Amino acid sequence: MLQGSNLVCVRGDRRLFKDINFSLEAGGIMRVTGPNGSGKTSLLRMLCGLSRPEHGEIRWRGKSVRSLGGGYYGDITYLGHLGGAKDDLTALENLRISCALAGTEVTEQVAIDALQHIGLGGRELLPVKVLSQGQKKRVALARLLIGKTVLWILDEPLVALDTSAVGMIKEILEQHLARGGMVVMTTHQEIDIAAVATQQLQLA
């Protein structure tokens, strides 16, 4: 279970949100919504340990994430809004490096298979700088096909994707949830994802 209790986020002299509470269990998905500047990305960064709340606590399996360290990070996959790909590296190199940085070593063939599955067959050895925005997004999303993590934290995973790619990601998310995984995501696009429990967290 992932829980947030009385979370407060302050950036500079501005409070983005306060008194945020939620509880997410196996097989559940939580969509974080709100206008630009409401703190959606800030909340996701808190959930994956990249920043700390001004007040409140985030708990994973009943324990504060601050006390878990690597034990927590090994359970999560975080994909930021920008994807983090390096333009001068190939799609294959980017995927293998991002997996390694997340603690998952993958063989070249496993990475190639993931890229082909996500729709990048024939582009595995191209530098990312020549790919379209949608193809760059697919490079990042390919990590979802490789990792064995329980909690996926996804910041606008559908941006720049065409209709067929959105359908593919929907299927990947539903398979993950059916296996007992959990998803926290932001998205401005409407997408109906089958889950044990679906909730929406609205930030003002």
N, C-alpha and C. Protein backbone atom coordinates (compact mmCIF):
# COMPACT_ATOMS: atom_id res chain seq x y z
N MET A 1 0.84 -1.20 0.00
CA MET A 1 0.00 0.00 0.00
C MET A 1 0.87 1.25 0.00
N LEU A 2 0.46 2.24 -0.79
CA LEU A 2 1.10 3.55 -0.80
C LEU A 2 0.15 4.53 -0.16
N GLN A 3 0.65 5.27 0.82
CA GLN A 3 -0.19 6.22 1.54
C GLN A 3 0.48 7.58 1.62
N GLY A 4 -0.32 8.61 1.48
CA GLY A 4 0.13 9.98 1.71
C GLY A 4 -0.73 10.60 2.79
N SER A 5 -0.11 11.23 3.76
CA SER A 5 -0.86 11.79 4.89
C SER A 5 -0.50 13.26 5.08
N ASN A 6 -1.50 14.12 4.95
CA ASN A 6 -1.37 15.55 5.26
C ASN A 6 -0.19 16.20 4.53
N LEU A 7 -0.02 15.88 3.26
CA LEU A 7 1.12 16.38 2.50
C LEU A 7 0.97 17.85 2.14
N VAL A 8 2.05 18.57 2.32
CA VAL A 8 2.11 20.00 1.97
C VAL A 8 3.32 20.22 1.08
N CYS A 9 3.14 20.99 0.02
CA CYS A 9 4.24 21.31 -0.89
C CYS A 9 4.40 22.81 -1.00
N VAL A 10 5.62 23.29 -0.76
CA VAL A 10 5.95 24.71 -0.88
C VAL A 10 7.12 24.86 -1.85
N ARG A 11 6.97 25.76 -2.80
CA ARG A 11 8.05 26.07 -3.73
C ARG A 11 8.33 27.56 -3.65
N GLY A 12 9.51 27.93 -3.15
CA GLY A 12 9.83 29.32 -2.95
C GLY A 12 8.93 29.90 -1.87
N ASP A 13 8.20 30.96 -2.21
CA ASP A 13 7.30 31.55 -1.23
C ASP A 13 5.84 31.20 -1.53
N ARG A 14 5.64 30.18 -2.35
CA ARG A 14 4.29 29.80 -2.74
C ARG A 14 3.96 28.39 -2.29
N ARG A 15 2.80 28.22 -1.68
CA ARG A 15 2.33 26.89 -1.31
C ARG A 15 1.49 26.33 -2.45
N LEU A 16 1.94 25.20 -3.01
CA LEU A 16 1.25 24.61 -4.15
C LEU A 16 0.03 23.81 -3.71
N PHE A 17 0.17 23.04 -2.64
CA PHE A 17 -0.97 22.30 -2.12
C PHE A 17 -0.75 21.98 -0.65
N LYS A 18 -1.84 21.62 0.03
CA LYS A 18 -1.77 21.26 1.44
C LYS A 18 -2.82 20.20 1.74
N ASP A 19 -2.62 19.51 2.86
CA ASP A 19 -3.58 18.52 3.38
C ASP A 19 -3.98 17.49 2.32
N ILE A 20 -2.99 16.98 1.60
CA ILE A 20 -3.25 15.94 0.60
C ILE A 20 -3.16 14.58 1.28
N ASN A 21 -4.23 13.79 1.13
CA ASN A 21 -4.28 12.46 1.72
C ASN A 21 -4.77 11.46 0.66
N PHE A 22 -4.17 10.30 0.65
CA PHE A 22 -4.60 9.25 -0.27
C PHE A 22 -4.10 7.90 0.22
N SER A 23 -4.68 6.85 -0.33
CA SER A 23 -4.26 5.48 -0.04
C SER A 23 -4.47 4.65 -1.30
N LEU A 24 -3.42 4.00 -1.77
CA LEU A 24 -3.48 3.23 -3.00
C LEU A 24 -3.03 1.80 -2.71
N GLU A 25 -3.86 0.83 -3.14
CA GLU A 25 -3.57 -0.57 -2.87
C GLU A 25 -3.25 -1.31 -4.16
N ALA A 26 -2.85 -2.58 -4.01
CA ALA A 26 -2.47 -3.40 -5.16
C ALA A 26 -3.59 -3.45 -6.19
N GLY A 27 -3.23 -3.29 -7.45
CA GLY A 27 -4.20 -3.32 -8.54
C GLY A 27 -4.90 -2.01 -8.78
N GLY A 28 -4.54 -0.96 -8.02
CA GLY A 28 -5.22 0.32 -8.12
C GLY A 28 -4.42 1.36 -8.88
N ILE A 29 -5.15 2.31 -9.46
CA ILE A 29 -4.53 3.41 -10.18
C ILE A 29 -5.07 4.73 -9.64
N MET A 30 -4.19 5.70 -9.48
CA MET A 30 -4.59 7.04 -9.04
C MET A 30 -4.14 8.06 -10.08
N ARG A 31 -5.10 8.80 -10.60
CA ARG A 31 -4.79 9.88 -11.54
C ARG A 31 -4.73 11.19 -10.78
N VAL A 32 -3.62 11.89 -10.94
CA VAL A 32 -3.43 13.19 -10.29
C VAL A 32 -3.77 14.26 -11.32
N THR A 33 -4.76 15.08 -11.01
CA THR A 33 -5.21 16.08 -11.96
C THR A 33 -5.13 17.48 -11.34
N GLY A 34 -5.24 18.48 -12.19
CA GLY A 34 -5.20 19.86 -11.73
C GLY A 34 -4.61 20.75 -12.80
N PRO A 35 -4.80 22.05 -12.68
CA PRO A 35 -4.27 22.99 -13.68
C PRO A 35 -2.75 23.07 -13.62
N ASN A 36 -2.17 23.65 -14.65
CA ASN A 36 -0.72 23.87 -14.66
C ASN A 36 -0.31 24.69 -13.44
N GLY A 37 0.78 24.26 -12.79
CA GLY A 37 1.27 24.98 -11.62
C GLY A 37 0.63 24.57 -10.31
N SER A 38 -0.25 23.56 -10.35
CA SER A 38 -0.93 23.15 -9.11
C SER A 38 -0.09 22.18 -8.28
N GLY A 39 1.02 21.67 -8.84
CA GLY A 39 1.90 20.81 -8.07
C GLY A 39 1.85 19.34 -8.42
N LYS A 40 1.32 19.01 -9.58
CA LYS A 40 1.21 17.60 -9.96
C LYS A 40 2.58 16.93 -10.05
N THR A 41 3.47 17.56 -10.81
CA THR A 41 4.82 16.99 -10.94
C THR A 41 5.55 16.99 -9.60
N SER A 42 5.36 18.04 -8.81
CA SER A 42 6.00 18.11 -7.49
C SER A 42 5.54 16.95 -6.61
N LEU A 43 4.25 16.62 -6.67
CA LEU A 43 3.75 15.50 -5.88
C LEU A 43 4.38 14.19 -6.33
N LEU A 44 4.47 13.99 -7.64
CA LEU A 44 5.06 12.75 -8.14
C LEU A 44 6.53 12.65 -7.74
N ARG A 45 7.24 13.76 -7.76
CA ARG A 45 8.64 13.75 -7.35
C ARG A 45 8.77 13.42 -5.85
N MET A 46 7.81 13.86 -5.07
CA MET A 46 7.79 13.47 -3.65
C MET A 46 7.60 11.96 -3.52
N LEU A 47 6.69 11.42 -4.29
CA LEU A 47 6.37 10.00 -4.18
C LEU A 47 7.55 9.11 -4.56
N CYS A 48 8.40 9.59 -5.46
CA CYS A 48 9.54 8.76 -5.84
C CYS A 48 10.82 9.16 -5.11
N GLY A 49 10.71 10.06 -4.13
CA GLY A 49 11.85 10.36 -3.27
C GLY A 49 12.81 11.41 -3.79
N LEU A 50 12.45 12.12 -4.87
CA LEU A 50 13.33 13.15 -5.41
C LEU A 50 13.23 14.46 -4.66
N SER A 51 12.15 14.63 -3.90
CA SER A 51 12.00 15.81 -3.05
C SER A 51 11.18 15.41 -1.83
N ARG A 52 11.20 16.27 -0.82
CA ARG A 52 10.48 15.98 0.41
C ARG A 52 9.32 16.96 0.60
N PRO A 53 8.23 16.47 1.18
CA PRO A 53 7.13 17.40 1.47
C PRO A 53 7.52 18.37 2.57
N GLU A 54 6.94 19.56 2.50
CA GLU A 54 7.16 20.53 3.57
C GLU A 54 6.60 20.00 4.88
N HIS A 55 5.53 19.26 4.77
CA HIS A 55 4.89 18.65 5.95
C HIS A 55 4.18 17.39 5.48
N GLY A 56 3.99 16.45 6.41
CA GLY A 56 3.29 15.22 6.09
C GLY A 56 4.24 14.06 5.85
N GLU A 57 3.67 12.91 5.51
CA GLU A 57 4.47 11.69 5.38
C GLU A 57 3.94 10.82 4.26
N ILE A 58 4.87 10.18 3.57
CA ILE A 58 4.56 9.18 2.55
C ILE A 58 5.01 7.82 3.08
N ARG A 59 4.12 6.86 3.05
CA ARG A 59 4.41 5.53 3.59
C ARG A 59 4.23 4.47 2.50
N TRP A 60 5.13 3.51 2.51
CA TRP A 60 5.10 2.39 1.58
C TRP A 60 5.11 1.10 2.40
N ARG A 61 4.04 0.33 2.22
CA ARG A 61 3.89 -0.92 2.99
C ARG A 61 3.98 -0.66 4.49
N GLY A 62 3.41 0.47 4.89
CA GLY A 62 3.30 0.78 6.30
C GLY A 62 4.49 1.50 6.91
N LYS A 63 5.55 1.73 6.14
CA LYS A 63 6.74 2.38 6.68
C LYS A 63 7.04 3.66 5.91
N SER A 64 7.58 4.64 6.61
CA SER A 64 7.94 5.90 5.98
C SER A 64 8.99 5.65 4.90
N VAL A 65 8.79 6.24 3.72
CA VAL A 65 9.75 6.02 2.63
C VAL A 65 11.12 6.59 2.99
N ARG A 66 11.17 7.56 3.91
CA ARG A 66 12.46 8.12 4.31
C ARG A 66 13.34 7.07 4.98
N SER A 67 12.72 6.09 5.61
CA SER A 67 13.48 5.07 6.33
C SER A 67 13.83 3.86 5.47
N LEU A 68 13.26 3.80 4.24
CA LEU A 68 13.42 2.59 3.43
C LEU A 68 14.60 2.65 2.48
N GLY A 69 14.97 3.84 2.04
CA GLY A 69 16.11 3.98 1.14
C GLY A 69 15.96 3.13 -0.12
N GLY A 70 17.02 2.38 -0.43
CA GLY A 70 17.04 1.57 -1.64
C GLY A 70 15.96 0.52 -1.70
N GLY A 71 15.47 0.09 -0.55
CA GLY A 71 14.40 -0.89 -0.52
C GLY A 71 13.14 -0.38 -1.18
N TYR A 72 12.93 0.93 -1.09
CA TYR A 72 11.76 1.55 -1.73
C TYR A 72 12.05 1.81 -3.20
N TYR A 73 13.21 2.36 -3.50
CA TYR A 73 13.53 2.70 -4.88
C TYR A 73 13.54 1.48 -5.78
N GLY A 74 13.86 0.33 -5.22
CA GLY A 74 13.83 -0.90 -6.01
C GLY A 74 12.44 -1.37 -6.35
N ASP A 75 11.43 -0.78 -5.72
CA ASP A 75 10.03 -1.15 -5.97
C ASP A 75 9.32 -0.23 -6.93
N ILE A 76 9.97 0.88 -7.32
CA ILE A 76 9.27 1.87 -8.14
C ILE A 76 9.97 2.11 -9.48
N THR A 77 9.16 2.51 -10.45
CA THR A 77 9.66 3.02 -11.73
C THR A 77 9.06 4.41 -11.90
N TYR A 78 9.93 5.41 -12.07
CA TYR A 78 9.48 6.78 -12.27
C TYR A 78 9.86 7.23 -13.67
N LEU A 79 8.87 7.69 -14.42
CA LEU A 79 9.12 8.27 -15.73
C LEU A 79 8.67 9.72 -15.70
N GLY A 80 9.63 10.63 -15.81
CA GLY A 80 9.32 12.04 -15.78
C GLY A 80 8.71 12.52 -17.09
N HIS A 81 8.19 13.70 -17.06
CA HIS A 81 7.50 14.28 -18.21
C HIS A 81 8.41 14.39 -19.43
N LEU A 82 9.68 14.72 -19.23
CA LEU A 82 10.60 14.93 -20.34
C LEU A 82 11.27 13.65 -20.83
N GLY A 83 11.16 12.57 -20.06
CA GLY A 83 11.70 11.30 -20.50
C GLY A 83 13.16 11.08 -20.16
N GLY A 84 13.99 12.14 -20.22
CA GLY A 84 15.37 12.04 -19.80
C GLY A 84 16.32 11.41 -20.81
N ALA A 85 15.89 11.23 -22.07
CA ALA A 85 16.75 10.61 -23.06
C ALA A 85 17.87 11.56 -23.49
N LYS A 86 19.05 10.98 -23.76
CA LYS A 86 20.20 11.74 -24.24
C LYS A 86 20.21 11.72 -25.77
N ASP A 87 20.18 12.91 -26.37
CA ASP A 87 20.00 13.00 -27.82
C ASP A 87 21.09 12.31 -28.63
N ASP A 88 22.32 12.32 -28.15
CA ASP A 88 23.42 11.77 -28.93
C ASP A 88 23.56 10.26 -28.80
N LEU A 89 22.83 9.66 -27.88
CA LEU A 89 22.85 8.21 -27.72
C LEU A 89 21.72 7.58 -28.53
N THR A 90 21.88 6.32 -28.88
CA THR A 90 20.84 5.62 -29.62
C THR A 90 19.68 5.26 -28.69
N ALA A 91 18.57 4.88 -29.29
CA ALA A 91 17.42 4.43 -28.50
C ALA A 91 17.82 3.24 -27.64
N LEU A 92 18.58 2.33 -28.20
CA LEU A 92 19.03 1.16 -27.46
C LEU A 92 19.93 1.55 -26.30
N GLU A 93 20.89 2.42 -26.54
CA GLU A 93 21.79 2.86 -25.47
C GLU A 93 21.02 3.59 -24.37
N ASN A 94 20.09 4.44 -24.76
CA ASN A 94 19.30 5.16 -23.76
C ASN A 94 18.52 4.21 -22.88
N LEU A 95 17.89 3.23 -23.48
CA LEU A 95 17.08 2.29 -22.70
C LEU A 95 17.95 1.48 -21.75
N ARG A 96 19.06 0.97 -22.22
CA ARG A 96 19.93 0.16 -21.35
C ARG A 96 20.53 0.99 -20.22
N ILE A 97 20.91 2.22 -20.52
CA ILE A 97 21.49 3.07 -19.49
C ILE A 97 20.45 3.46 -18.45
N SER A 98 19.25 3.83 -18.90
CA SER A 98 18.20 4.22 -17.95
C SER A 98 17.82 3.05 -17.06
N CYS A 99 17.80 1.86 -17.61
CA CYS A 99 17.51 0.67 -16.79
C CYS A 99 18.63 0.43 -15.78
N ALA A 100 19.87 0.58 -16.21
CA ALA A 100 21.01 0.37 -15.31
C ALA A 100 21.00 1.38 -14.17
N LEU A 101 20.68 2.64 -14.49
CA LEU A 101 20.63 3.67 -13.45
C LEU A 101 19.52 3.37 -12.44
N ALA A 102 18.48 2.66 -12.91
CA ALA A 102 17.37 2.30 -12.02
C ALA A 102 17.64 0.99 -11.29
N GLY A 103 18.82 0.40 -11.54
CA GLY A 103 19.18 -0.83 -10.83
C GLY A 103 18.83 -2.10 -11.55
N THR A 104 18.48 -2.02 -12.84
CA THR A 104 18.12 -3.21 -13.61
C THR A 104 19.04 -3.35 -14.81
N GLU A 105 19.90 -4.34 -14.78
CA GLU A 105 20.78 -4.60 -15.90
C GLU A 105 20.04 -5.46 -16.93
N VAL A 106 20.02 -5.02 -18.19
CA VAL A 106 19.33 -5.77 -19.23
C VAL A 106 20.29 -6.06 -20.37
N THR A 107 20.10 -7.20 -21.00
CA THR A 107 20.93 -7.55 -22.14
C THR A 107 20.50 -6.73 -23.35
N GLU A 108 21.37 -6.70 -24.34
CA GLU A 108 21.05 -5.97 -25.56
C GLU A 108 19.80 -6.53 -26.22
N GLN A 109 19.66 -7.87 -26.24
CA GLN A 109 18.52 -8.47 -26.90
C GLN A 109 17.21 -8.16 -26.18
N VAL A 110 17.23 -8.17 -24.86
CA VAL A 110 16.02 -7.84 -24.10
C VAL A 110 15.60 -6.41 -24.40
N ALA A 111 16.57 -5.51 -24.46
CA ALA A 111 16.27 -4.11 -24.74
C ALA A 111 15.74 -3.94 -26.16
N ILE A 112 16.33 -4.66 -27.12
CA ILE A 112 15.85 -4.59 -28.51
C ILE A 112 14.43 -5.10 -28.60
N ASP A 113 14.14 -6.21 -27.92
CA ASP A 113 12.79 -6.77 -27.94
C ASP A 113 11.77 -5.77 -27.38
N ALA A 114 12.15 -5.06 -26.31
CA ALA A 114 11.25 -4.08 -25.70
C ALA A 114 10.99 -2.92 -26.67
N LEU A 115 12.04 -2.45 -27.32
CA LEU A 115 11.89 -1.34 -28.27
C LEU A 115 11.03 -1.75 -29.47
N GLN A 116 11.21 -2.97 -29.93
CA GLN A 116 10.39 -3.45 -31.04
C GLN A 116 8.93 -3.56 -30.61
N HIS A 117 8.70 -4.07 -29.42
CA HIS A 117 7.33 -4.21 -28.91
C HIS A 117 6.63 -2.86 -28.78
N ILE A 118 7.39 -1.85 -28.40
CA ILE A 118 6.81 -0.53 -28.17
C ILE A 118 6.66 0.26 -29.47
N GLY A 119 7.08 -0.36 -30.60
CA GLY A 119 6.88 0.28 -31.89
C GLY A 119 8.08 0.97 -32.49
N LEU A 120 9.28 0.59 -32.03
CA LEU A 120 10.50 1.24 -32.52
C LEU A 120 11.40 0.28 -33.28
N GLY A 121 10.82 -0.77 -33.81
CA GLY A 121 11.59 -1.71 -34.61
C GLY A 121 12.24 -1.02 -35.80
N GLY A 122 13.54 -1.25 -36.01
CA GLY A 122 14.27 -0.61 -37.08
C GLY A 122 14.87 0.73 -36.70
N ARG A 123 14.53 1.21 -35.51
CA ARG A 123 15.06 2.50 -35.05
C ARG A 123 15.93 2.36 -33.80
N GLU A 124 16.21 1.13 -33.42
CA GLU A 124 16.93 0.89 -32.18
C GLU A 124 18.32 1.52 -32.16
N LEU A 125 18.96 1.60 -33.30
CA LEU A 125 20.34 2.10 -33.37
C LEU A 125 20.42 3.54 -33.88
N LEU A 126 19.28 4.20 -34.00
CA LEU A 126 19.29 5.61 -34.40
C LEU A 126 19.51 6.48 -33.18
N PRO A 127 20.26 7.58 -33.34
CA PRO A 127 20.39 8.52 -32.22
C PRO A 127 19.03 9.14 -31.93
N VAL A 128 18.76 9.35 -30.66
CA VAL A 128 17.45 9.85 -30.25
C VAL A 128 17.15 11.21 -30.88
N LYS A 129 18.17 11.99 -31.17
CA LYS A 129 17.94 13.34 -31.71
C LYS A 129 17.23 13.33 -33.06
N VAL A 130 17.24 12.21 -33.78
CA VAL A 130 16.57 12.16 -35.08
C VAL A 130 15.15 11.59 -34.97
N LEU A 131 14.76 11.17 -33.77
CA LEU A 131 13.42 10.61 -33.57
C LEU A 131 12.40 11.71 -33.34
N SER A 132 11.14 11.40 -33.64
CA SER A 132 10.06 12.34 -33.36
C SER A 132 9.80 12.38 -31.85
N GLN A 133 9.01 13.36 -31.41
CA GLN A 133 8.69 13.45 -29.98
C GLN A 133 7.96 12.20 -29.50
N GLY A 134 7.07 11.69 -30.33
CA GLY A 134 6.36 10.48 -29.95
C GLY A 134 7.27 9.28 -29.84
N GLN A 135 8.24 9.19 -30.74
CA GLN A 135 9.20 8.07 -30.68
C GLN A 135 10.12 8.20 -29.48
N LYS A 136 10.50 9.43 -29.13
CA LYS A 136 11.31 9.63 -27.92
C LYS A 136 10.53 9.18 -26.68
N LYS A 137 9.24 9.48 -26.66
CA LYS A 137 8.41 9.06 -25.54
C LYS A 137 8.36 7.53 -25.46
N ARG A 138 8.31 6.88 -26.60
CA ARG A 138 8.28 5.41 -26.61
C ARG A 138 9.57 4.82 -26.06
N VAL A 139 10.70 5.48 -26.33
CA VAL A 139 11.98 5.01 -25.76
C VAL A 139 11.89 4.96 -24.24
N ALA A 140 11.36 6.02 -23.63
CA ALA A 140 11.22 6.06 -22.18
C ALA A 140 10.23 5.01 -21.69
N LEU A 141 9.11 4.89 -22.38
CA LEU A 141 8.06 3.97 -21.95
C LEU A 141 8.47 2.50 -22.08
N ALA A 142 9.47 2.23 -22.92
CA ALA A 142 9.94 0.85 -23.07
C ALA A 142 10.43 0.27 -21.75
N ARG A 143 10.83 1.13 -20.82
CA ARG A 143 11.26 0.64 -19.50
C ARG A 143 10.16 -0.13 -18.79
N LEU A 144 8.92 0.23 -19.07
CA LEU A 144 7.81 -0.45 -18.41
C LEU A 144 7.72 -1.92 -18.81
N LEU A 145 8.27 -2.25 -19.96
CA LEU A 145 8.22 -3.64 -20.43
C LEU A 145 9.32 -4.49 -19.83
N ILE A 146 10.29 -3.86 -19.20
CA ILE A 146 11.48 -4.58 -18.72
C ILE A 146 11.50 -4.74 -17.21
N GLY A 147 11.17 -3.68 -16.50
CA GLY A 147 11.30 -3.70 -15.05
C GLY A 147 10.31 -4.63 -14.37
N LYS A 148 10.62 -5.00 -13.16
CA LYS A 148 9.76 -5.86 -12.35
C LYS A 148 9.20 -5.11 -11.15
N THR A 149 9.16 -3.80 -11.24
CA THR A 149 8.75 -2.98 -10.10
C THR A 149 7.23 -3.05 -9.89
N VAL A 150 6.82 -2.74 -8.67
CA VAL A 150 5.41 -2.82 -8.29
C VAL A 150 4.69 -1.50 -8.57
N LEU A 151 5.35 -0.39 -8.22
CA LEU A 151 4.72 0.93 -8.29
C LEU A 151 5.28 1.73 -9.45
N TRP A 152 4.40 2.11 -10.38
CA TRP A 152 4.80 2.95 -11.50
C TRP A 152 4.31 4.38 -11.25
N ILE A 153 5.21 5.35 -11.33
CA ILE A 153 4.88 6.75 -11.14
C ILE A 153 5.19 7.45 -12.46
N LEU A 154 4.14 7.88 -13.15
CA LEU A 154 4.27 8.31 -14.53
C LEU A 154 3.74 9.74 -14.71
N ASP A 155 4.60 10.62 -15.18
CA ASP A 155 4.25 12.02 -15.38
C ASP A 155 3.96 12.25 -16.86
N GLU A 156 2.69 12.41 -17.20
CA GLU A 156 2.24 12.65 -18.57
C GLU A 156 2.80 11.61 -19.55
N PRO A 157 2.53 10.32 -19.31
CA PRO A 157 3.10 9.29 -20.19
C PRO A 157 2.49 9.26 -21.59
N LEU A 158 1.35 9.93 -21.80
CA LEU A 158 0.68 9.84 -23.09
C LEU A 158 0.96 11.03 -24.01
N VAL A 159 1.70 12.03 -23.51
CA VAL A 159 2.01 13.20 -24.32
C VAL A 159 2.79 12.80 -25.56
N ALA A 160 2.38 13.34 -26.70
CA ALA A 160 3.05 13.16 -28.00
C ALA A 160 2.80 11.80 -28.64
N LEU A 161 2.00 10.95 -28.00
CA LEU A 161 1.73 9.64 -28.57
C LEU A 161 0.52 9.69 -29.50
N ASP A 162 0.58 8.89 -30.58
CA ASP A 162 -0.57 8.79 -31.46
C ASP A 162 -1.58 7.80 -30.89
N THR A 163 -2.71 7.68 -31.57
CA THR A 163 -3.81 6.87 -31.04
C THR A 163 -3.41 5.42 -30.81
N SER A 164 -2.67 4.84 -31.74
CA SER A 164 -2.27 3.44 -31.60
C SER A 164 -1.33 3.25 -30.41
N ALA A 165 -0.43 4.21 -30.20
CA ALA A 165 0.50 4.11 -29.07
C ALA A 165 -0.23 4.26 -27.75
N VAL A 166 -1.22 5.16 -27.70
CA VAL A 166 -2.01 5.31 -26.47
C VAL A 166 -2.71 4.00 -26.15
N GLY A 167 -3.26 3.34 -27.16
CA GLY A 167 -3.90 2.04 -26.94
C GLY A 167 -2.93 1.00 -26.42
N MET A 168 -1.70 1.02 -26.93
CA MET A 168 -0.68 0.08 -26.48
C MET A 168 -0.32 0.33 -25.02
N ILE A 169 -0.13 1.60 -24.64
CA ILE A 169 0.21 1.92 -23.25
C ILE A 169 -0.94 1.56 -22.32
N LYS A 170 -2.16 1.79 -22.76
CA LYS A 170 -3.33 1.39 -21.98
C LYS A 170 -3.27 -0.11 -21.68
N GLU A 171 -2.95 -0.90 -22.68
CA GLU A 171 -2.85 -2.35 -22.49
C GLU A 171 -1.73 -2.72 -21.53
N ILE A 172 -0.58 -2.05 -21.65
CA ILE A 172 0.54 -2.33 -20.75
C ILE A 172 0.18 -1.99 -19.30
N LEU A 173 -0.50 -0.85 -19.12
CA LEU A 173 -0.91 -0.46 -17.77
C LEU A 173 -1.91 -1.46 -17.19
N GLU A 174 -2.86 -1.87 -17.99
CA GLU A 174 -3.87 -2.82 -17.50
C GLU A 174 -3.26 -4.16 -17.14
N GLN A 175 -2.29 -4.61 -17.90
CA GLN A 175 -1.60 -5.87 -17.57
C GLN A 175 -0.84 -5.74 -16.26
N HIS A 176 -0.21 -4.61 -16.06
CA HIS A 176 0.52 -4.36 -14.81
C HIS A 176 -0.43 -4.36 -13.62
N LEU A 177 -1.55 -3.70 -13.74
CA LEU A 177 -2.53 -3.64 -12.66
C LEU A 177 -3.14 -5.01 -12.39
N ALA A 178 -3.37 -5.78 -13.43
CA ALA A 178 -3.94 -7.12 -13.27
C ALA A 178 -3.00 -8.04 -12.51
N ARG A 179 -1.70 -7.75 -12.59
CA ARG A 179 -0.71 -8.55 -11.85
C ARG A 179 -0.55 -8.06 -10.41
N GLY A 180 -1.32 -7.08 -10.01
CA GLY A 180 -1.23 -6.56 -8.65
C GLY A 180 -0.34 -5.34 -8.53
N GLY A 181 0.07 -4.77 -9.66
CA GLY A 181 0.87 -3.56 -9.63
C GLY A 181 0.02 -2.35 -9.28
N MET A 182 0.68 -1.21 -9.13
CA MET A 182 0.01 0.05 -8.83
C MET A 182 0.53 1.13 -9.75
N VAL A 183 -0.32 2.11 -10.04
CA VAL A 183 0.06 3.19 -10.93
C VAL A 183 -0.42 4.52 -10.36
N VAL A 184 0.49 5.49 -10.33
CA VAL A 184 0.13 6.88 -10.07
C VAL A 184 0.56 7.65 -11.31
N MET A 185 -0.37 8.40 -11.90
CA MET A 185 -0.02 9.08 -13.13
C MET A 185 -0.74 10.42 -13.27
N THR A 186 -0.11 11.31 -14.01
CA THR A 186 -0.76 12.54 -14.44
C THR A 186 -1.01 12.42 -15.93
N THR A 187 -2.13 12.93 -16.40
CA THR A 187 -2.41 12.97 -17.83
C THR A 187 -3.54 13.94 -18.09
N HIS A 188 -3.41 14.67 -19.17
CA HIS A 188 -4.48 15.58 -19.59
C HIS A 188 -5.41 14.89 -20.58
N GLN A 189 -5.07 13.64 -20.95
CA GLN A 189 -5.89 12.92 -21.90
C GLN A 189 -6.83 11.97 -21.18
N GLU A 190 -8.03 11.83 -21.71
CA GLU A 190 -8.98 10.89 -21.16
C GLU A 190 -8.62 9.48 -21.61
N ILE A 191 -8.49 8.58 -20.66
CA ILE A 191 -8.18 7.19 -20.98
C ILE A 191 -8.81 6.30 -19.92
N ASP A 192 -9.57 5.33 -20.36
CA ASP A 192 -10.30 4.44 -19.47
C ASP A 192 -9.46 3.19 -19.25
N ILE A 193 -8.92 3.05 -18.03
CA ILE A 193 -8.03 1.93 -17.72
C ILE A 193 -8.71 1.02 -16.71
N ALA A 194 -8.81 -0.26 -17.04
CA ALA A 194 -9.43 -1.23 -16.14
C ALA A 194 -8.51 -1.47 -14.95
N ALA A 195 -9.07 -1.36 -13.74
CA ALA A 195 -8.28 -1.53 -12.52
C ALA A 195 -9.18 -2.01 -11.39
N VAL A 196 -8.57 -2.63 -10.38
CA VAL A 196 -9.32 -3.03 -9.19
C VAL A 196 -9.98 -1.82 -8.56
N ALA A 197 -9.24 -0.72 -8.49
CA ALA A 197 -9.78 0.53 -7.95
C ALA A 197 -9.16 1.70 -8.69
N THR A 198 -10.01 2.66 -9.05
CA THR A 198 -9.57 3.86 -9.74
C THR A 198 -9.96 5.08 -8.91
N GLN A 199 -8.99 5.95 -8.68
CA GLN A 199 -9.29 7.15 -7.93
C GLN A 199 -8.64 8.36 -8.59
N GLN A 200 -9.19 9.50 -8.32
CA GLN A 200 -8.65 10.75 -8.86
C GLN A 200 -8.31 11.69 -7.72
N LEU A 201 -7.09 12.20 -7.75
CA LEU A 201 -6.64 13.17 -6.76
C LEU A 201 -6.55 14.52 -7.44
N GLN A 202 -7.44 15.42 -7.07
CA GLN A 202 -7.52 16.73 -7.69
C GLN A 202 -6.73 17.74 -6.88
N LEU A 203 -5.77 18.38 -7.54
CA LEU A 203 -5.03 19.48 -6.93
C LEU A 203 -5.64 20.79 -7.42
N ALA A 204 -5.78 21.75 -6.51
CA ALA A 204 -6.45 23.00 -6.88
C ALA A 204 -5.61 23.80 -7.87
